[in-house]
Amino acid sequence: MIITVTPNPALDLTYAVPAIALGESHRVTSVTERAGGKGLNVASVLTSMGSGAVAVAPVGELDLDLFRRDLDARRVPHRLVPSPCPTRRSVAVVEAGGRATLFNEAGVPESKRVWDRLCEEIAALAPEASVLTVSGSFPTGADTELARRVTLLAHESGLRVVLDISGPHLTRALAAGPDLVKPNRVEAAVSLSSLGRGDVPSVPQAARALVAAGARSAVVSDGTNGLVLVHDSLGHDVALRARLPRPLSGNPTGAGDALTASLAADLEAGGDLPSGRDVWAAALRRGVAWSAAAVLQPVAGAVDPADVARLLPTVEIEEIPL
């Protein structure tokens, strides 16, 4: 089982419009409302792909029933921590051509009691789990030690840890030795700048720097350019790029969450990180296929297994220099 933690969930609103014209009124052709946040999306993708997952998140008391109903409808097991703070809203405006414009509220600071209860839920689930993911942003003012605390708690419980976070929350957690970190290119650069990296590293350099700072492995995504992996295996780097031969049109909002889900599923299946070039290549092919399949869906947190099967053999892998 995989525990997915969402520190800053959102009520996701998706508006479909023909096109956006700044300063003009728009007719919305459809509206989708669902429980959102990157970790909830990860759990939803895992469930749709047949992997066991439990979503853990703090949710405002006024939104608890809505979140429970939506997650139950998607058959996503969950442990929601009631919070006196209102849940933030995230609005995605998706044009007919697939371009998405997002408006994300920052989130209200949570109390120490809420974070303590969230950690208690993780500890209670840990005996039945093997992997834990932490995904997305943190509310304004959240303690930057929180991700490190959760990583240490998971490791003490024998869980592997995948972090899809950024900034000081990621850099603080690196000292705890997460098994895999998965920022995108911009998030990696921002995180490394807080470690004193004044330059703007290339994507392979960023992945290598994250490993040097404490992660056992790093996957840095780069949009339509695919993703780069660096893994230090017994002092020898495995460095690979994975991508589709041509980018897909669609809604990229949940692509990164599907990638996190795939990497966590591989970690659970293998009991540890992949070892060696070929095993990593197979894992990255699955990751790109899951991520690309998510682009074809109208909302985040959804993947069609048939799309994954069709896309998997098209993924290209190449070794890269560091």
Protein backbone atom coordinates (compact mmCIF):
# COMPACT_ATOMS: atom_id res chain seq x y z
CA MET A 1 0.00 0.00 0.00
CA ILE A 2 1.07 3.57 -0.73
CA ILE A 3 0.27 6.47 1.61
CA THR A 4 -0.11 9.77 -0.23
CA VAL A 5 0.16 12.94 1.84
CA THR A 6 -1.27 16.26 0.64
CA PRO A 7 -0.20 19.09 2.97
CA ASN A 8 -2.23 21.73 1.12
CA PRO A 9 -5.32 20.19 -0.55
CA ALA A 10 -7.70 22.26 -2.61
CA LEU A 11 -11.22 22.20 -3.90
CA ASP A 12 -10.42 21.95 -7.62
CA LEU A 13 -12.69 23.83 -9.99
CA THR A 14 -12.19 23.25 -13.72
CA TYR A 15 -13.84 25.60 -16.19
CA ALA A 16 -13.96 24.63 -19.85
CA VAL A 17 -14.04 27.58 -22.27
CA PRO A 18 -13.56 27.89 -26.04
CA ALA A 19 -10.65 30.33 -25.59
CA ILE A 20 -9.39 32.98 -23.16
CA ALA A 21 -9.38 36.66 -24.15
CA LEU A 22 -7.90 38.85 -21.42
CA GLY A 23 -10.22 41.54 -20.17
CA GLU A 24 -13.30 39.89 -21.71
CA SER A 25 -16.27 37.94 -20.35
CA HIS A 26 -16.32 34.20 -21.05
CA ARG A 27 -19.06 31.61 -21.34
CA VAL A 28 -18.12 28.47 -19.42
CA THR A 29 -19.20 25.35 -21.30
CA SER A 30 -18.74 22.95 -18.39
CA VAL A 31 -17.69 22.96 -14.73
CA THR A 32 -16.02 20.15 -12.78
CA GLU A 33 -15.69 20.26 -8.99
CA ARG A 34 -13.64 17.71 -7.11
CA ALA A 35 -11.37 17.07 -4.15
CA GLY A 36 -7.94 18.20 -5.30
CA GLY A 37 -4.35 18.63 -4.35
CA LYS A 38 -1.37 16.79 -5.74
CA GLY A 39 -1.33 13.94 -3.23
CA LEU A 40 -5.04 13.25 -3.73
CA ASN A 41 -4.41 13.16 -7.47
CA VAL A 42 -1.59 10.65 -6.89
CA ALA A 43 -3.91 8.41 -4.86
CA SER A 44 -6.62 8.68 -7.52
CA VAL A 45 -4.22 7.69 -10.31
CA LEU A 46 -2.88 4.77 -8.28
CA THR A 47 -6.42 3.56 -7.64
CA SER A 48 -7.35 3.79 -11.32
CA MET A 49 -4.22 1.78 -12.20
CA GLY A 50 -5.01 -0.95 -9.67
CA SER A 51 -2.52 -0.04 -6.92
CA GLY A 52 -3.54 0.22 -3.28
CA ALA A 53 -3.35 3.75 -1.89
CA VAL A 54 -4.68 5.77 1.03
CA ALA A 55 -4.87 9.56 0.80
CA VAL A 56 -4.06 11.57 3.92
CA ALA A 57 -4.76 15.31 4.05
CA PRO A 58 -5.99 18.09 6.34
CA VAL A 59 -9.35 19.36 5.10
CA GLY A 60 -11.48 22.26 6.31
CA GLU A 61 -14.45 21.10 8.34
CA LEU A 62 -16.94 22.80 5.98
CA ASP A 63 -15.54 20.82 3.02
CA LEU A 64 -15.14 17.42 4.67
CA ASP A 65 -18.41 15.97 3.37
CA LEU A 66 -17.71 17.12 -0.19
CA PHE A 67 -14.18 15.65 -0.12
CA ARG A 68 -15.41 12.37 1.35
CA ARG A 69 -18.20 12.00 -1.20
CA ASP A 70 -15.91 12.75 -4.13
CA LEU A 71 -13.12 10.42 -3.00
CA ASP A 72 -15.64 7.67 -2.20
CA ALA A 73 -17.14 8.07 -5.68
CA ARG A 74 -13.66 7.56 -7.14
CA ARG A 75 -13.07 4.61 -4.77
CA VAL A 76 -10.03 6.33 -3.25
CA PRO A 77 -9.47 5.25 0.38
CA HIS A 78 -8.75 8.24 2.60
CA ARG A 79 -7.96 9.49 6.09
CA LEU A 80 -8.95 13.14 6.20
CA VAL A 81 -7.82 15.23 9.18
CA PRO A 82 -10.51 17.80 10.12
CA SER A 83 -9.16 21.35 10.22
CA PRO A 84 -10.74 24.57 11.48
CA CYS A 85 -9.08 26.35 8.53
CA PRO A 86 -11.02 26.68 5.26
CA THR A 87 -9.78 24.62 2.34
CA ARG A 88 -8.23 26.69 -0.44
CA ARG A 89 -9.66 26.82 -3.97
CA SER A 90 -7.79 26.05 -7.18
CA VAL A 91 -9.33 27.11 -10.49
CA ALA A 92 -8.18 25.70 -13.83
CA VAL A 93 -9.51 27.36 -16.99
CA VAL A 94 -9.02 24.91 -19.85
CA GLU A 95 -9.38 26.10 -23.45
CA ALA A 96 -10.68 23.95 -26.28
CA GLY A 97 -7.13 23.57 -27.62
CA GLY A 98 -5.96 22.11 -24.30
CA ARG A 99 -4.11 25.11 -22.86
CA ALA A 100 -4.76 25.39 -19.11
CA THR A 101 -4.55 28.56 -17.01
CA LEU A 102 -4.46 27.99 -13.26
CA PHE A 103 -5.37 30.21 -10.32
CA ASN A 104 -4.20 28.71 -7.02
CA GLU A 105 -4.97 30.12 -3.60
CA ALA A 106 -2.07 29.88 -1.15
CA GLY A 107 -3.85 28.10 1.71
CA VAL A 108 -4.38 29.15 5.33
CA PRO A 109 -1.76 28.27 8.00
CA GLU A 110 -2.61 25.12 9.95
CA SER A 111 -2.10 24.64 13.68
CA LYS A 112 0.50 22.33 15.18
CA ARG A 113 -2.37 20.15 16.40
CA VAL A 114 -3.51 19.49 12.82
CA TRP A 115 0.02 18.53 11.72
CA ASP A 116 0.38 16.28 14.77
CA ARG A 117 -2.86 14.51 13.87
CA LEU A 118 -1.71 14.10 10.29
CA CYS A 119 1.49 12.41 11.54
CA GLU A 120 -0.61 10.18 13.80
CA GLU A 121 -2.62 9.02 10.78
CA ILE A 122 0.61 8.20 8.92
CA ALA A 123 1.93 6.22 11.89
CA ALA A 124 -1.36 4.30 12.14
CA LEU A 125 -1.29 3.38 8.43
CA ALA A 126 2.44 2.59 8.26
CA PRO A 127 2.28 -1.10 9.31
CA GLU A 128 0.19 -1.86 6.20
CA ALA A 129 2.19 0.32 3.82
CA SER A 130 5.55 0.25 2.05
CA VAL A 131 5.81 3.67 0.36
CA LEU A 132 4.86 7.22 1.34
CA THR A 133 4.59 10.20 -0.98
CA VAL A 134 4.38 13.88 -0.07
CA SER A 135 3.16 16.08 -2.90
CA GLY A 136 2.49 19.72 -3.62
CA SER A 137 2.70 23.01 -1.83
CA PHE A 138 2.46 23.79 1.86
CA PRO A 139 0.11 26.40 3.35
CA THR A 140 1.57 29.83 3.97
CA GLY A 141 3.55 29.83 7.20
CA ALA A 142 3.87 26.04 7.45
CA ASP A 143 6.92 24.87 9.40
CA THR A 144 9.68 24.10 6.90
CA GLU A 145 10.67 21.12 9.06
CA LEU A 146 7.38 19.35 8.36
CA ALA A 147 8.49 17.39 5.27
CA ARG A 148 11.69 16.38 7.06
CA ARG A 149 9.62 15.25 10.05
CA VAL A 150 7.33 13.16 7.86
CA THR A 151 10.31 11.65 6.00
CA LEU A 152 11.99 10.62 9.25
CA LEU A 153 8.71 9.21 10.59
CA ALA A 154 8.23 7.16 7.42
CA HIS A 155 11.79 5.83 7.45
CA GLU A 156 11.48 4.87 11.10
CA SER A 157 8.38 2.89 10.11
CA GLY A 158 10.24 1.13 7.28
CA LEU A 159 8.62 3.08 4.43
CA ARG A 160 10.29 4.36 1.28
CA VAL A 161 9.70 8.07 0.66
CA VAL A 162 8.95 9.97 -2.57
CA LEU A 163 8.86 13.78 -2.32
CA ASP A 164 7.23 15.95 -4.98
CA ILE A 165 7.76 19.25 -3.18
CA SER A 166 10.01 22.26 -3.60
CA GLY A 167 11.70 25.24 -1.97
CA PRO A 168 12.82 25.20 1.66
CA HIS A 169 10.49 22.29 2.46
CA LEU A 170 12.45 20.14 0.00
CA THR A 171 15.90 21.38 0.95
CA ARG A 172 15.22 20.76 4.66
CA ALA A 173 13.97 17.25 3.89
CA LEU A 174 17.03 16.34 1.80
CA ALA A 175 19.04 15.92 5.00
CA ALA A 176 16.69 13.08 5.97
CA GLY A 177 17.68 11.12 2.85
CA PRO A 178 14.40 10.72 0.92
CA ASP A 179 14.51 7.80 -1.48
CA LEU A 180 13.35 9.81 -4.48
CA VAL A 181 12.61 13.49 -5.12
CA LYS A 182 10.61 14.67 -8.14
CA PRO A 183 10.52 18.43 -8.69
CA ASN A 184 10.06 20.00 -12.07
CA ARG A 185 12.83 22.06 -13.68
CA VAL A 186 11.73 25.39 -12.16
CA GLU A 187 11.11 23.89 -8.71
CA ALA A 188 14.53 22.23 -8.74
CA ALA A 189 16.25 25.52 -9.59
CA VAL A 190 14.38 27.38 -6.84
CA SER A 191 15.19 24.69 -4.30
CA LEU A 192 18.87 24.60 -5.21
CA SER A 193 19.11 28.38 -4.94
CA SER A 194 18.22 28.07 -1.26
CA LEU A 195 21.21 25.72 -0.92
CA GLY A 196 23.52 28.47 -2.16
CA ARG A 197 23.51 27.56 -5.84
CA GLY A 198 23.58 30.97 -7.48
CA ASP A 199 23.74 29.58 -11.03
CA VAL A 200 20.88 28.14 -13.03
CA PRO A 201 21.81 24.49 -13.53
CA SER A 202 20.77 22.39 -16.48
CA VAL A 203 18.17 19.73 -15.77
CA PRO A 204 20.80 16.93 -15.46
CA GLN A 205 22.95 19.16 -13.24
CA ALA A 206 19.93 19.93 -11.04
CA ALA A 207 19.12 16.24 -10.63
CA ARG A 208 22.74 15.46 -9.76
CA ALA A 209 22.86 18.33 -7.24
CA LEU A 210 19.72 17.05 -5.49
CA VAL A 211 21.33 13.63 -5.14
CA ALA A 212 24.53 15.21 -3.84
CA ALA A 213 22.45 17.09 -1.25
CA GLY A 214 20.96 13.91 0.22
CA ALA A 215 18.34 12.31 -2.02
CA ARG A 216 19.04 8.73 -3.07
CA SER A 217 17.66 9.51 -6.52
CA ALA A 218 16.17 12.50 -8.33
CA VAL A 219 13.75 12.73 -11.25
CA VAL A 220 13.43 16.25 -12.65
CA SER A 221 10.62 16.77 -15.14
CA ASP A 222 10.97 19.26 -17.97
CA GLY A 223 7.58 19.51 -19.67
CA THR A 224 7.51 18.28 -23.25
CA ASN A 225 11.27 17.62 -23.04
CA GLY A 226 10.52 14.65 -20.81
CA LEU A 227 12.35 13.92 -17.60
CA VAL A 228 15.85 13.28 -16.33
CA LEU A 229 16.87 10.72 -13.71
CA VAL A 230 20.04 10.64 -11.66
CA HIS A 231 20.63 7.79 -9.21
CA ASP A 232 23.83 7.18 -7.29
CA SER A 233 24.26 3.40 -7.18
CA LEU A 234 27.30 2.29 -5.17
CA GLY A 235 29.20 5.38 -6.24
CA HIS A 236 28.26 5.07 -9.91
CA ASP A 237 25.65 7.39 -11.39
CA VAL A 238 22.79 6.17 -13.54
CA ALA A 239 21.75 9.18 -15.64
CA LEU A 240 18.91 8.82 -18.15
CA ARG A 241 16.47 10.98 -20.08
CA ALA A 242 13.00 9.67 -20.95
CA ARG A 243 10.46 11.32 -23.24
CA LEU A 244 7.89 10.84 -25.94
CA PRO A 245 8.99 11.33 -29.56
CA ARG A 246 6.31 14.02 -29.93
CA PRO A 247 4.40 16.02 -27.28
CA LEU A 248 0.71 15.37 -26.74
CA SER A 249 -2.06 17.95 -26.77
CA GLY A 250 -4.32 18.04 -23.76
CA ASN A 251 -4.55 19.12 -20.12
CA PRO A 252 -1.11 18.84 -18.44
CA THR A 253 -2.38 19.76 -14.96
CA GLY A 254 -2.12 16.26 -13.47
CA ALA A 255 0.79 14.91 -15.50
CA GLY A 256 3.34 15.34 -12.70
CA ASP A 257 1.05 13.63 -10.20
CA ALA A 258 0.66 10.64 -12.51
CA LEU A 259 4.46 10.47 -12.77
CA THR A 260 4.75 10.47 -8.98
CA ALA A 261 2.14 7.72 -8.81
CA SER A 262 4.02 5.57 -11.30
CA LEU A 263 7.36 5.99 -9.52
CA ALA A 264 5.76 5.15 -6.17
CA ALA A 265 4.09 2.06 -7.65
CA ASP A 266 7.45 0.85 -9.00
CA LEU A 267 9.05 1.47 -5.63
CA GLU A 268 6.32 -0.55 -3.93
CA ALA A 269 6.53 -3.41 -6.43
CA GLY A 270 10.32 -3.68 -6.19
CA GLY A 271 10.63 -3.08 -2.46
CA ASP A 272 13.34 -0.51 -3.15
CA LEU A 273 14.63 1.81 -5.84
CA PRO A 274 15.43 0.26 -9.23
CA SER A 275 19.01 -0.91 -9.61
CA GLY A 276 20.95 -0.51 -12.82
CA ARG A 277 20.36 1.19 -16.13
CA ASP A 278 17.85 -1.27 -17.63
CA VAL A 279 15.60 -1.49 -14.58
CA TRP A 280 15.56 2.30 -14.26
CA ALA A 281 14.80 2.60 -17.98
CA ALA A 282 11.75 0.36 -17.59
CA ALA A 283 10.55 2.40 -14.61
CA LEU A 284 10.98 5.67 -16.50
CA ARG A 285 9.09 4.32 -19.51
CA ARG A 286 6.16 3.58 -17.23
CA GLY A 287 6.46 6.99 -15.61
CA VAL A 288 6.37 8.86 -18.92
CA ALA A 289 3.48 6.70 -20.17
CA TRP A 290 1.41 7.33 -17.01
CA SER A 291 2.22 11.03 -17.17
CA ALA A 292 1.34 11.32 -20.86
CA ALA A 293 -1.89 9.38 -20.34
CA ALA A 294 -2.91 11.94 -17.71
CA VAL A 295 -2.54 14.74 -20.29
CA LEU A 296 -5.30 13.09 -22.34
CA GLN A 297 -7.79 13.38 -19.46
CA PRO A 298 -9.95 16.50 -18.91
CA VAL A 299 -9.19 16.68 -15.16
CA ALA A 300 -6.22 15.89 -12.93
CA GLY A 301 -6.08 12.60 -11.05
CA ALA A 302 -7.36 10.42 -13.89
CA VAL A 303 -5.55 7.95 -16.15
CA ASP A 304 -6.92 5.41 -18.62
CA PRO A 305 -4.93 2.13 -18.47
CA ALA A 306 -5.58 1.67 -22.21
CA ASP A 307 -3.79 4.95 -22.94
CA VAL A 308 -0.86 3.85 -20.78
CA ALA A 309 -0.57 0.56 -22.67
CA ARG A 310 -0.66 2.37 -26.03
CA LEU A 311 1.92 4.99 -25.07
CA LEU A 312 4.38 2.74 -23.23
CA PRO A 313 6.24 1.33 -26.27
CA THR A 314 6.69 4.80 -27.75
CA VAL A 315 8.76 6.20 -24.87
CA GLU A 316 12.39 6.95 -25.78
CA ILE A 317 15.28 6.44 -23.36
CA GLU A 318 18.80 7.83 -23.70
CA GLU A 319 21.85 7.94 -21.46
CA ILE A 320 23.07 11.45 -20.75
CA PRO A 321 26.40 12.89 -19.59
CA LEU A 322 26.64 14.78 -16.29
